Amino acid sequence: MKRVGSQTEAEIACGLLRSAGIECGHRDTDAIDSALEDYTPAGPQEIFVHPRDLEDARALLEPDAEAQAEAEAEAQADAEA
């Protein structure tokens, strides 16, 4: 469904989804590239949800471009003030 950069990011995303009543899980991707990959979870994680919850999950995890642009502009204005 969605790929994030680390296990911590995956746990945060799943926490957000669960708080909205969406069951989810995460797992390592095949893209792990670390000498420790057999010993510790590291690298990209895939987040997965039930197909029935996919649209709601995307809406929570993928902010629309307009809202994101507004937030960035507001943060920049605050930084300049």
Protein backbone atom coordinates (compact mmCIF):
# COMPACT_ATOMS: atom_id res chain seq x y z
CA MET A 1 0.00 0.00 0.00
CA LYS A 2 2.55 2.58 1.12
CA ARG A 3 6.28 2.46 1.66
CA VAL A 4 8.07 4.48 4.35
CA GLY A 5 11.75 4.83 5.13
CA SER A 6 12.03 3.11 8.51
CA GLN A 7 10.34 0.96 11.11
CA THR A 8 9.77 4.03 13.28
CA GLU A 9 7.92 5.80 10.46
CA ALA A 10 5.85 2.66 9.88
CA GLU A 11 4.89 2.47 13.56
CA ILE A 12 3.86 6.14 13.57
CA ALA A 13 1.78 5.69 10.41
CA CYS A 14 0.10 2.57 11.80
CA GLY A 15 -0.62 4.42 15.04
CA LEU A 16 -2.38 7.14 13.08
CA LEU A 17 -4.37 4.58 11.09
CA ARG A 18 -5.33 2.62 14.21
CA SER A 19 -6.48 5.80 15.94
CA ALA A 20 -8.90 6.21 13.02
CA GLY A 21 -10.16 2.64 13.44
CA ILE A 22 -8.19 1.18 10.53
CA GLU A 23 -6.37 -2.10 11.13
CA CYS A 24 -2.87 -2.12 9.69
CA GLY A 25 0.49 -3.78 9.81
CA HIS A 26 3.96 -3.29 8.41
CA ARG A 27 6.84 -5.43 7.23
CA ASP A 28 10.33 -5.15 5.80
CA THR A 29 10.57 -4.60 2.07
CA ASP A 30 13.03 -6.37 -0.18
CA ALA A 31 14.90 -3.09 -0.45
CA ILE A 32 16.83 -3.42 2.81
CA ASP A 33 20.48 -2.75 2.16
CA SER A 34 22.35 -3.08 5.41
CA ALA A 35 25.05 -5.27 6.86
CA LEU A 36 22.71 -5.80 9.82
CA GLU A 37 19.66 -6.77 7.80
CA ASP A 38 19.63 -10.32 9.16
CA TYR A 39 19.87 -9.13 12.77
CA THR A 40 17.75 -6.01 13.13
CA PRO A 41 14.82 -4.40 11.31
CA ALA A 42 16.15 -1.55 9.22
CA GLY A 43 15.34 0.25 6.03
CA PRO A 44 12.10 0.69 4.15
CA GLN A 45 8.87 -0.78 5.48
CA GLU A 46 5.62 -1.53 3.67
CA ILE A 47 2.41 -0.55 5.41
CA PHE A 48 -0.64 -2.64 4.55
CA VAL A 49 -4.35 -2.41 5.33
CA HIS A 50 -7.51 -4.32 4.40
CA PRO A 51 -8.64 -3.52 0.85
CA ARG A 52 -11.90 -2.11 2.24
CA ASP A 53 -9.91 0.52 4.18
CA LEU A 54 -7.49 1.48 1.41
CA GLU A 55 -9.08 4.77 0.37
CA ASP A 56 -9.50 5.98 3.95
CA ALA A 57 -5.91 5.01 4.76
CA ARG A 58 -4.58 6.88 1.73
CA ALA A 59 -6.54 9.95 2.71
CA LEU A 60 -4.92 9.91 6.15
CA LEU A 61 -1.36 9.14 5.04
CA GLU A 62 -1.12 11.13 1.82
CA PRO A 63 -1.95 14.79 2.37
CA ASP A 64 -3.25 16.54 -0.71
CA ALA A 65 -0.76 18.73 -2.54
CA GLU A 66 -2.69 21.96 -1.93
CA ALA A 67 -2.85 21.50 1.85
CA GLN A 68 0.82 20.57 1.94
CA ALA A 69 1.79 23.67 -0.08
CA GLU A 70 -0.22 25.88 2.28
CA ALA A 71 1.49 24.35 5.33
CA GLU A 72 4.93 24.88 3.78
CA ALA A 73 4.12 28.50 2.89
CA GLU A 74 2.88 29.12 6.43
CA ALA A 75 6.02 27.59 7.94
CA GLN A 76 8.20 29.73 5.69
CA ALA A 77 6.29 32.87 6.63
CA ASP A 78 6.71 32.04 10.32
CA ALA A 79 10.45 31.49 9.82
CA GLU A 80 10.83 34.88 8.11
CA ALA A 81 8.91 36.72 10.84
